[in-house]
Amino acid sequence: MLFSLTWSEVLLALHFTVVVACAVRVLYRQRNTGSAFAWLVILLAFPMVGVIAYLLVGETRIGRRRLARTSEMTRFYQNFASDYLTDEQHFSTDTQLPKSHQGIEKMVKKATGLGANQHNDMQLLTSTDDIINAMIDDIRQAKLSCLLAFYIIEPEGRIDALLQAVLDAAQRGVRCVILADAIGSGRFFRSQWHTKLQLAGVFVQSSLPISLLRTLYTRNDLRNHRKILVVDYYIGYTGSFNLIDPRYFKKDSGVGEWVDVMMRCTGAVVLEMAAVLYADIAVESEENLQLVQSYLLRYEQTDVAAIPTPTGNITTQVIPSAPEQDESIIYETILCAIHSATKRIVITTPYFVPNEPLLIALTTAARRGVDVTLILPEKVDSFMVRYASRAYFPLLLKHGIKIAQFNAGLLHAKTLVIDDDFSLFGTVNMDMRSFFLNLEISLAIYNRNMTEQIAALQQQYLADSRYIDEVDWLYRQKWWGLVENIVRLVSPLL
């Protein structure tokens, strides 16, 4: 027959139709040009694998019910702020910020409902021992509540002592809550600690659990990357430190011990950390949403009233970011901060995979005379990120940006210092996953003294780093550049 087709021709036509349909969907759904280009490259290079990968992880699908609960919790942020954060005893809204920072504060408040507040105290904890010792000591002294939210909980080494402190607190009547990422804390959920804590009365919740069924309507690689500890609504911690003992964590990965930093805070900022944590618990299920709302109505007002009056002088702002938000608020904050710089920009991040706007912001800052320094670990635990990151080095070096490679372990700190009086501190890496896919938390710090402390820590990292020489880098073996630029094609997806 004239139009008879073999099975192979039918399959080929079907295959072509599916790939084209997926490519059209990419063009319609991907707002980020780099991500769209990367997916098109994958679809053309690996057609069927690319189609399956895109259907699984190509779009930010978080589920209709979770979206509805998220809308409810967005209102919760705003109500929490109005109910608990307008009491003059705890904080004042009449913060006087420099004009260069007022726009950032206003933009973040409009997106999250959480504005800058003053009268906070902060203590920078720069070693693992200092971090764990301070956390354990505060948990042991807890009287009302102990709330934890961490991406990774690895129950080994000194983390056993911290979990024991939480268990002891629960047994003496302290309300204890643990929220842990389902993937990052997989070993914790399979350990005896999970059962022991629940039996002691600790509320344990997995964040963003995965399953084959969930794959049909949600994206399984969206992760809760936040790190938060709140004790008695008066003391709060956040930063880069997961609940891991670096002597044991990924000790065979060849990158050395992880180097982290945390901020211990007191003041109104702690209430905002608690709001973020409660919201993350509430959006996991309808039951959780009802429990959190009921709990806050019954207990929170009394607990907050018992908080000592803060006496600090640091103005700061909590910035929670999540894929379900309309704006990529932490990414926009970073861009605004870089564009506002007049003297210096210093960034520490373990994973540096920028997109075009971030590259332009950094290179134009350097070209207009700003001293720009990137401090990156020499070795990272991700092959793809390592080579994608290096592909950008020639452009950065060409424009006078200094790149220092830290060689005393995997530098995991995430800090950004702008000039003398503004810094960002928290859980956000300089990559697209942190900007657009993960749940993250950062502190915008509008304070000269604390910014200088963070800058001094960055200088300590530089003492254990080696600056990359532009000439030496460009004259490496040419095939390295080929490898790096091939990997860079998919960098918007890392």
Protein backbone atom coordinates (compact mmCIF):
# COMPACT_ATOMS: atom_id res chain seq x y z
CA MET A 1 0.00 0.00 0.00
CA LEU A 2 1.08 3.56 -0.72
CA PHE A 3 0.89 4.74 2.90
CA SER A 4 1.82 1.54 4.72
CA LEU A 5 4.32 2.09 7.51
CA THR A 6 6.53 -0.31 9.35
CA TRP A 7 6.46 -0.51 13.12
CA SER A 8 9.88 1.09 13.27
CA GLU A 9 8.64 4.04 11.22
CA VAL A 10 5.61 4.44 13.47
CA LEU A 11 7.78 4.39 16.57
CA LEU A 12 10.20 6.85 15.01
CA ALA A 13 7.34 9.23 14.16
CA LEU A 14 5.90 8.86 17.67
CA HIS A 15 9.31 9.48 19.17
CA PHE A 16 9.77 12.61 17.07
CA THR A 17 6.31 13.89 18.02
CA VAL A 18 6.91 13.38 21.74
CA VAL A 19 10.28 15.17 21.65
CA VAL A 20 8.86 18.11 19.67
CA ALA A 21 5.86 18.36 22.02
CA CYS A 22 8.18 18.36 25.03
CA ALA A 23 10.41 21.00 23.40
CA VAL A 24 7.38 23.21 22.80
CA ARG A 25 6.37 22.76 26.45
CA VAL A 26 9.88 23.81 27.50
CA LEU A 27 9.59 27.00 25.47
CA TYR A 28 6.21 27.82 27.01
CA ARG A 29 6.89 26.83 30.62
CA GLN A 30 10.53 27.78 31.32
CA ARG A 31 10.76 31.43 32.32
CA ASN A 32 14.54 31.26 32.67
CA THR A 33 16.28 31.41 29.28
CA GLY A 34 19.30 29.43 30.50
CA SER A 35 17.11 26.62 31.86
CA ALA A 36 15.12 26.50 28.63
CA PHE A 37 18.30 26.26 26.56
CA ALA A 38 19.75 23.54 28.81
CA TRP A 39 16.61 21.43 28.53
CA LEU A 40 16.53 21.82 24.75
CA VAL A 41 20.15 20.64 24.59
CA ILE A 42 19.28 17.57 26.69
CA LEU A 43 16.20 16.81 24.57
CA LEU A 44 18.22 16.95 21.36
CA ALA A 45 21.22 15.04 22.69
CA PHE A 46 19.31 12.38 24.65
CA PRO A 47 15.73 12.47 23.30
CA MET A 48 13.83 9.82 25.28
CA VAL A 49 15.92 10.15 28.42
CA GLY A 50 15.49 13.92 28.15
CA VAL A 51 11.70 13.64 27.84
CA ILE A 52 11.45 11.40 30.90
CA ALA A 53 13.80 13.63 32.89
CA TYR A 54 11.84 16.75 31.96
CA LEU A 55 8.52 15.21 32.92
CA LEU A 56 9.98 14.20 36.30
CA VAL A 57 12.03 17.25 37.30
CA GLY A 58 11.71 19.86 34.55
CA GLU A 59 9.00 22.01 36.11
CA THR A 60 8.37 23.28 39.61
CA ARG A 61 5.38 21.09 40.45
CA ILE A 62 4.56 21.16 44.15
CA GLY A 63 1.02 19.82 44.09
CA ARG A 64 -2.34 21.58 44.12
CA ARG A 65 -3.07 20.85 47.78
CA ARG A 66 0.33 22.02 48.94
CA LEU A 67 -0.14 25.20 46.91
CA ALA A 68 -3.43 25.83 48.69
CA ARG A 69 -1.79 25.31 52.07
CA THR A 70 1.09 27.55 50.98
CA SER A 71 -1.36 30.34 50.23
CA GLU A 72 -2.79 29.85 53.70
CA MET A 73 0.68 30.03 55.23
CA THR A 74 1.54 33.18 53.28
CA ARG A 75 -1.33 34.79 55.13
CA PHE A 76 0.05 33.18 58.28
CA TYR A 77 3.40 34.99 57.81
CA GLN A 78 1.57 38.29 57.56
CA ASN A 79 -0.74 37.56 60.50
CA PHE A 80 2.19 36.35 62.59
CA ALA A 81 4.00 39.60 61.91
CA SER A 82 0.98 41.71 62.80
CA ASP A 83 0.02 39.64 65.88
CA TYR A 84 3.43 39.17 67.47
CA LEU A 85 5.91 41.53 65.86
CA THR A 86 4.33 44.93 66.40
CA ASP A 87 4.72 45.00 70.18
CA GLU A 88 7.12 47.83 71.01
CA GLN A 89 8.50 45.66 73.81
CA HIS A 90 9.95 43.29 71.25
CA PHE A 91 10.87 45.37 68.26
CA SER A 92 10.31 48.65 66.49
CA THR A 93 9.28 49.16 62.88
CA ASP A 94 10.81 52.64 62.62
CA THR A 95 14.24 51.32 61.61
CA GLN A 96 16.43 53.92 59.91
CA LEU A 97 18.27 52.28 57.05
CA PRO A 98 20.66 53.90 54.57
CA LYS A 99 18.96 54.79 51.30
CA SER A 100 21.01 52.17 49.48
CA HIS A 101 19.35 49.44 51.58
CA GLN A 102 15.81 50.77 51.91
CA GLY A 103 14.81 49.35 48.53
CA ILE A 104 16.03 45.87 49.46
CA GLU A 105 14.14 45.95 52.76
CA LYS A 106 10.97 47.12 51.06
CA MET A 107 11.20 44.52 48.28
CA VAL A 108 11.67 41.64 50.74
CA LYS A 109 8.86 42.81 53.00
CA LYS A 110 6.47 43.04 50.06
CA ALA A 111 7.31 39.47 48.99
CA THR A 112 7.34 37.78 52.42
CA GLY A 113 5.49 40.06 54.84
CA LEU A 114 8.58 40.11 57.08
CA GLY A 115 10.28 43.49 57.42
CA ALA A 116 13.55 44.52 58.99
CA ASN A 117 13.55 44.85 62.78
CA GLN A 118 16.05 46.18 65.24
CA HIS A 119 17.15 45.42 68.83
CA ASN A 120 18.64 42.04 67.88
CA ASP A 121 21.86 40.53 69.23
CA MET A 122 24.03 38.18 67.16
CA GLN A 123 26.99 35.95 67.86
CA LEU A 124 29.03 34.51 65.00
CA LEU A 125 30.02 30.87 65.64
CA THR A 126 32.87 29.86 63.35
CA SER A 127 33.91 26.34 64.38
CA THR A 128 32.02 23.05 64.60
CA ASP A 129 32.83 22.65 68.30
CA ASP A 130 31.58 26.14 69.11
CA ILE A 131 28.39 25.57 67.12
CA ILE A 132 27.52 22.20 68.65
CA ASN A 133 28.50 23.23 72.18
CA ALA A 134 26.34 26.37 72.02
CA MET A 135 23.35 24.47 70.61
CA ILE A 136 23.54 21.71 73.20
CA ASP A 137 23.88 24.22 76.03
CA ASP A 138 20.83 26.21 74.89
CA ILE A 139 18.73 23.05 74.37
CA ARG A 140 19.64 21.84 77.86
CA GLN A 141 18.40 25.13 79.31
CA ALA A 142 15.15 25.20 77.30
CA LYS A 143 12.02 25.73 79.41
CA LEU A 144 9.16 26.11 76.90
CA SER A 145 10.04 24.87 73.44
CA CYS A 146 12.79 23.56 71.19
CA LEU A 147 12.21 23.72 67.43
CA LEU A 148 14.63 22.26 64.87
CA ALA A 149 14.52 22.28 61.06
CA PHE A 150 17.52 20.90 59.17
CA TYR A 151 18.26 19.62 55.70
CA ILE A 152 20.65 16.93 56.95
CA ILE A 153 20.58 15.17 60.31
CA GLU A 154 23.27 12.47 60.54
CA PRO A 155 23.02 10.67 63.93
CA GLU A 156 26.68 9.96 64.58
CA GLY A 157 29.57 11.48 66.51
CA ARG A 158 28.66 14.61 68.45
CA ILE A 159 25.20 14.79 66.87
CA ASP A 160 24.19 11.91 69.13
CA ALA A 161 24.81 14.21 72.12
CA LEU A 162 22.69 16.96 70.55
CA LEU A 163 19.80 14.58 69.85
CA GLN A 164 20.09 13.28 73.41
CA ALA A 165 19.74 16.87 74.66
CA VAL A 166 16.51 17.19 72.63
CA LEU A 167 15.23 13.88 74.02
CA ASP A 168 16.02 14.99 77.59
CA ALA A 169 14.24 18.29 77.00
CA ALA A 170 11.11 16.50 75.80
CA GLN A 171 11.16 14.22 78.84
CA ARG A 172 11.19 17.21 81.18
CA GLY A 173 8.13 18.72 79.48
CA VAL A 174 9.64 21.01 76.82
CA ARG A 175 7.64 21.03 73.56
CA CYS A 176 10.09 19.69 70.96
CA VAL A 177 9.67 19.65 67.19
CA ILE A 178 12.02 18.29 64.51
CA LEU A 179 11.47 18.97 60.82
CA ALA A 180 14.01 17.19 58.60
CA ASP A 181 14.29 16.89 54.84
CA ALA A 182 13.14 13.46 53.68
CA ILE A 183 16.14 12.95 51.39
CA GLY A 184 18.90 14.83 53.18
CA SER A 185 18.01 13.20 56.51
CA GLY A 186 17.23 9.74 55.19
CA ARG A 187 19.68 8.09 57.61
CA PHE A 188 18.03 9.88 60.54
CA PHE A 189 14.58 8.57 59.63
CA ARG A 190 15.99 5.03 59.34
CA SER A 191 17.84 5.27 62.66
CA GLN A 192 16.79 4.37 66.19
CA TRP A 193 16.87 8.06 67.08
CA HIS A 194 13.73 8.69 65.04
CA THR A 195 11.77 6.15 67.09
CA LYS A 196 13.32 7.15 70.42
CA LEU A 197 12.49 10.82 69.95
CA GLN A 198 8.91 10.11 68.95
CA LEU A 199 8.42 7.83 71.95
CA ALA A 200 9.68 10.68 74.16
CA GLY A 201 6.97 12.97 72.76
CA VAL A 202 8.98 14.84 70.13
CA PHE A 203 6.93 15.83 67.07
CA VAL A 204 9.01 14.58 64.11
CA GLN A 205 8.00 15.54 60.56
CA SER A 206 9.69 14.70 57.26
CA SER A 207 9.80 17.59 54.81
CA LEU A 208 8.96 17.01 51.15
CA PRO A 209 8.69 13.20 51.28
CA ILE A 210 9.06 11.36 47.99
CA SER A 211 7.26 8.37 46.45
CA LEU A 212 6.41 6.98 43.03
CA LEU A 213 2.83 8.18 43.43
CA ARG A 214 3.93 11.70 44.33
CA THR A 215 6.02 11.80 41.17
CA LEU A 216 2.81 12.04 39.16
CA TYR A 217 1.88 15.43 40.61
CA THR A 218 4.91 16.82 42.44
CA ARG A 219 8.59 17.23 41.70
CA ASN A 220 10.74 14.99 43.88
CA ASP A 221 13.98 16.98 43.74
CA LEU A 222 12.58 20.07 45.50
CA ARG A 223 14.29 20.05 48.88
CA ASN A 224 14.03 21.85 52.22
CA HIS A 225 17.56 23.21 52.60
CA ARG A 226 16.91 25.40 55.65
CA LYS A 227 18.84 25.11 58.92
CA ILE A 228 17.00 26.55 61.93
CA LEU A 229 17.06 26.01 65.69
CA VAL A 230 14.73 28.04 67.93
CA VAL A 231 14.80 27.70 71.72
CA ASP A 232 12.05 29.27 73.85
CA TYR A 233 11.30 31.76 71.04
CA TYR A 234 14.21 33.78 72.42
CA ILE A 235 17.32 32.13 70.95
CA GLY A 236 17.63 31.25 67.27
CA TYR A 237 20.30 29.76 65.04
CA THR A 238 20.70 29.70 61.30
CA GLY A 239 23.56 29.39 58.83
CA SER A 240 25.30 26.72 56.80
CA PHE A 241 25.66 24.02 59.46
CA ASN A 242 23.68 20.81 59.07
CA LEU A 243 23.41 18.49 62.06
CA ILE A 244 26.52 16.54 61.05
CA ASP A 245 29.84 15.74 62.67
CA PRO A 246 32.44 16.63 60.02
CA ARG A 247 34.82 13.99 61.39
CA TYR A 248 32.45 11.34 60.00
CA PHE A 249 30.30 13.04 57.35
CA LYS A 250 31.31 12.03 53.80
CA LYS A 251 34.79 11.24 55.10
CA ASP A 252 35.57 9.14 52.02
CA SER A 253 34.59 11.82 49.48
CA GLY A 254 38.10 13.24 49.23
CA VAL A 255 37.13 16.86 49.99
CA GLY A 256 38.23 17.06 53.63
CA GLU A 257 36.09 18.09 56.59
CA TRP A 258 33.23 20.50 56.00
CA VAL A 259 33.79 24.03 57.29
CA ASP A 260 30.63 25.78 58.47
CA VAL A 261 29.39 28.86 60.27
CA MET A 262 26.24 29.69 62.24
CA MET A 263 24.68 32.81 63.72
CA ARG A 264 23.23 32.67 67.22
CA CYS A 265 20.54 35.34 67.49
CA THR A 266 18.31 36.86 70.13
CA GLY A 267 15.54 39.37 69.51
CA ALA A 268 12.51 39.67 67.25
CA VAL A 269 14.36 37.93 64.42
CA VAL A 270 13.95 34.67 66.36
CA LEU A 271 10.16 34.93 66.20
CA GLU A 272 10.42 35.26 62.44
CA MET A 273 12.59 32.13 62.27
CA ALA A 274 9.90 30.31 64.24
CA ALA A 275 7.27 31.56 61.80
CA VAL A 276 9.23 30.11 58.87
CA LEU A 277 9.63 26.77 60.64
CA TYR A 278 5.96 26.51 61.58
CA ALA A 279 4.95 27.36 58.03
CA ASP A 280 7.14 24.55 56.68
CA ILE A 281 5.48 22.08 59.03
CA ALA A 282 1.99 23.30 58.23
CA VAL A 283 2.23 22.95 54.45
CA GLU A 284 3.13 19.24 54.67
CA SER A 285 -0.46 18.12 55.30
CA GLU A 286 -3.96 19.36 56.09
CA GLU A 287 -3.62 17.80 59.55
CA ASN A 288 -0.39 19.72 60.17
CA LEU A 289 -2.00 22.95 59.03
CA GLN A 290 -4.80 22.53 61.54
CA LEU A 291 -2.39 21.51 64.30
CA VAL A 292 -0.16 24.54 63.80
CA GLN A 293 -3.06 26.97 63.63
CA SER A 294 -4.65 25.46 66.74
CA TYR A 295 -1.35 25.43 68.60
CA LEU A 296 -0.62 29.05 67.86
CA LEU A 297 -4.06 30.13 69.02
CA ARG A 298 -3.70 28.25 72.31
CA TYR A 299 -0.08 28.73 73.29
CA GLU A 300 1.88 31.20 71.26
CA GLN A 301 0.57 34.43 72.76
CA THR A 302 1.54 33.28 76.26
CA ASP A 303 4.96 32.02 75.18
CA VAL A 304 5.83 35.19 73.26
CA ALA A 305 4.77 37.35 76.20
CA ALA A 306 7.34 35.51 78.34
CA ILE A 307 10.26 36.45 76.09
CA PRO A 308 12.75 38.81 77.77
CA THR A 309 12.91 42.29 76.29
CA PRO A 310 15.66 42.35 73.64
CA THR A 311 18.41 44.90 74.15
CA GLY A 312 20.55 44.50 71.04
CA ASN A 313 21.22 47.08 68.37
CA ILE A 314 21.46 44.98 65.18
CA THR A 315 18.89 45.54 62.46
CA THR A 316 18.18 42.40 60.45
CA GLN A 317 15.53 40.84 58.24
CA VAL A 318 14.60 37.19 57.71
CA ILE A 319 14.31 36.18 54.05
CA PRO A 320 12.59 32.83 53.50
CA SER A 321 12.60 31.66 49.89
CA ALA A 322 10.73 28.75 48.32
CA PRO A 323 9.81 27.58 44.80
CA GLU A 324 6.11 28.25 45.37
CA GLN A 325 6.71 31.98 45.90
CA ASP A 326 5.76 34.29 43.05
CA GLU A 327 9.14 36.02 43.28
CA SER A 328 12.57 34.41 43.58
CA ILE A 329 13.17 36.76 46.46
CA ILE A 330 16.62 35.71 47.65
CA TYR A 331 17.97 35.73 44.09
CA GLU A 332 16.53 39.20 43.52
CA THR A 333 17.98 40.38 46.84
CA ILE A 334 21.46 39.16 45.88
CA LEU A 335 21.28 40.92 42.51
CA CYS A 336 20.10 44.17 44.11
CA ALA A 337 22.82 44.02 46.75
CA ILE A 338 25.57 43.43 44.17
CA HIS A 339 24.33 46.29 42.01
CA SER A 340 24.32 48.58 45.08
CA ALA A 341 27.98 47.90 45.94
CA THR A 342 30.41 50.81 45.68
CA LYS A 343 33.56 49.46 47.40
CA ARG A 344 33.71 45.70 47.88
CA ILE A 345 31.88 42.43 47.31
CA VAL A 346 33.13 39.27 49.02
CA ILE A 347 31.29 35.98 48.55
CA THR A 348 31.88 32.59 50.14
CA THR A 349 29.93 29.68 48.70
CA PRO A 350 30.63 25.97 48.21
CA TYR A 351 28.72 25.82 44.93
CA PHE A 352 29.08 28.62 42.40
CA VAL A 353 27.05 28.12 39.21
CA PRO A 354 25.78 31.57 38.14
CA ASN A 355 23.32 32.47 35.42
CA GLU A 356 23.68 35.38 33.00
CA PRO A 357 22.18 38.15 35.20
CA LEU A 358 24.37 37.18 38.16
CA LEU A 359 27.46 37.06 35.95
CA ILE A 360 26.65 40.48 34.53
CA ALA A 361 26.07 41.91 38.02
CA LEU A 362 29.46 40.66 39.23
CA THR A 363 31.49 41.60 36.15
CA THR A 364 29.95 45.06 35.80
CA ALA A 365 30.60 45.67 39.51
CA ALA A 366 34.27 44.83 38.95
CA ARG A 367 34.44 47.02 35.85
CA ARG A 368 33.09 50.04 37.74
CA GLY A 369 35.82 49.72 40.34
CA VAL A 370 34.29 47.50 43.02
CA ASP A 371 36.74 45.03 44.59
CA VAL A 372 35.08 41.64 43.94
CA THR A 373 36.35 38.44 45.55
CA LEU A 374 34.96 34.91 45.36
CA ILE A 375 36.10 32.37 47.97
CA LEU A 376 35.31 28.84 46.80
CA PRO A 377 36.45 25.44 48.04
CA GLU A 378 39.19 23.84 45.95
CA LYS A 379 37.30 20.52 46.04
CA VAL A 380 33.54 19.97 46.21
CA ASP A 381 31.46 16.83 46.55
CA SER A 382 29.68 17.30 43.20
CA PHE A 383 31.51 16.44 39.97
CA MET A 384 29.05 18.39 37.80
CA VAL A 385 29.13 21.54 39.95
CA ARG A 386 32.91 21.47 40.15
CA TYR A 387 33.40 21.61 36.39
CA ALA A 388 30.41 23.83 35.62
CA SER A 389 31.75 26.38 38.10
CA ARG A 390 35.23 26.38 36.56
CA ALA A 391 33.79 27.14 33.12
CA TYR A 392 33.01 30.67 34.34
CA PHE A 393 36.47 31.39 35.73
CA PRO A 394 38.01 32.80 32.50
CA LEU A 395 35.29 35.46 32.15
CA LEU A 396 35.45 36.40 35.82
CA LEU A 397 39.25 36.63 35.84
CA LYS A 398 39.22 38.66 32.63
CA HIS A 399 37.17 41.36 34.36
CA GLY A 400 39.40 41.51 37.42
CA ILE A 401 37.37 39.39 39.80
CA LYS A 402 39.60 37.61 42.29
CA ILE A 403 38.93 33.90 42.77
CA ALA A 404 40.43 32.23 45.84
CA GLN A 405 40.32 28.46 46.29
CA PHE A 406 40.04 27.35 49.93
CA ASN A 407 42.19 24.28 50.58
CA ALA A 408 41.54 23.46 54.26
CA GLY A 409 38.41 21.38 53.68
CA LEU A 410 35.07 21.87 51.95
CA LEU A 411 34.19 25.49 52.73
CA HIS A 412 30.43 25.26 53.19
CA ALA A 413 29.77 28.79 54.52
CA LYS A 414 27.36 30.96 52.54
CA THR A 415 28.13 34.65 53.12
CA LEU A 416 27.93 37.84 51.08
CA VAL A 417 29.47 41.13 52.25
CA ILE A 418 28.64 44.38 50.47
CA ASP A 419 30.77 47.43 51.32
CA ASP A 420 30.94 48.07 55.08
CA ASP A 421 27.40 47.82 56.41
CA PHE A 422 25.38 45.13 54.63
CA SER A 423 25.71 41.36 54.55
CA LEU A 424 23.68 38.28 53.67
CA PHE A 425 24.10 35.19 55.80
CA GLY A 426 22.31 31.87 55.70
CA THR A 427 21.76 28.68 53.72
CA VAL A 428 21.78 29.89 50.11
CA ASN A 429 24.41 28.67 47.65
CA MET A 430 25.23 30.69 44.53
CA ASP A 431 23.50 28.28 42.17
CA MET A 432 20.17 27.90 40.45
CA ARG A 433 18.96 25.14 42.79
CA SER A 434 19.24 27.41 45.83
CA PHE A 435 17.78 30.38 43.98
CA PHE A 436 14.76 28.70 42.40
CA LEU A 437 14.14 25.17 43.73
CA ASN A 438 15.13 24.76 47.38
CA LEU A 439 13.46 26.10 50.50
CA GLU A 440 16.10 28.41 51.96
CA ILE A 441 16.51 31.02 54.67
CA SER A 442 18.84 34.02 54.82
CA LEU A 443 19.42 36.95 57.12
CA ALA A 444 19.86 40.39 55.60
CA ILE A 445 22.05 42.17 58.15
CA TYR A 446 21.94 45.97 58.07
CA ASN A 447 24.73 46.56 60.57
CA ARG A 448 28.34 47.72 60.24
CA ASN A 449 29.82 45.86 63.20
CA MET A 450 28.33 42.46 62.34
CA THR A 451 29.19 42.93 58.67
CA GLU A 452 32.80 43.59 59.68
CA GLN A 453 32.82 40.41 61.78
CA ILE A 454 31.65 38.38 58.79
CA ALA A 455 34.24 40.15 56.62
CA ALA A 456 36.96 39.27 59.15
CA LEU A 457 35.90 35.62 58.97
CA GLN A 458 36.15 35.78 55.18
CA GLN A 459 39.71 37.07 55.57
CA GLN A 460 40.49 34.03 57.74
CA TYR A 461 39.24 31.81 54.93
CA LEU A 462 41.46 33.70 52.50
CA ALA A 463 44.48 32.90 54.67
CA ASP A 464 43.85 29.21 53.89
CA SER A 465 43.22 29.86 50.19
CA ARG A 466 45.20 30.22 46.98
CA TYR A 467 44.30 32.87 44.41
CA ILE A 468 43.90 31.64 40.85
CA ASP A 469 46.31 33.25 38.40
CA GLU A 470 44.56 34.26 35.17
CA VAL A 471 47.50 33.42 32.89
CA ASP A 472 48.10 30.01 34.48
CA TRP A 473 44.40 29.18 34.31
CA LEU A 474 44.10 30.07 30.63
CA TYR A 475 47.17 28.02 29.73
CA ARG A 476 45.99 24.79 31.30
CA GLN A 477 45.57 21.77 29.07
CA LYS A 478 42.91 22.73 26.53
CA TRP A 479 40.77 19.67 27.03
CA TRP A 480 39.89 20.84 30.56
CA GLY A 481 38.18 23.88 29.08
CA LEU A 482 36.22 21.62 26.74
CA VAL A 483 35.03 19.44 29.62
CA GLU A 484 34.02 22.48 31.68
CA ASN A 485 32.13 24.15 28.85
CA ILE A 486 30.26 20.96 27.98
CA VAL A 487 29.13 20.66 31.58
CA ARG A 488 28.25 24.37 31.60
CA LEU A 489 25.51 23.71 29.02
CA VAL A 490 23.42 22.10 31.76
CA SER A 491 24.57 24.45 34.56
CA PRO A 492 21.15 26.20 34.81
CA LEU A 493 19.77 22.87 36.03
CA LEU A 494 22.37 22.24 38.76
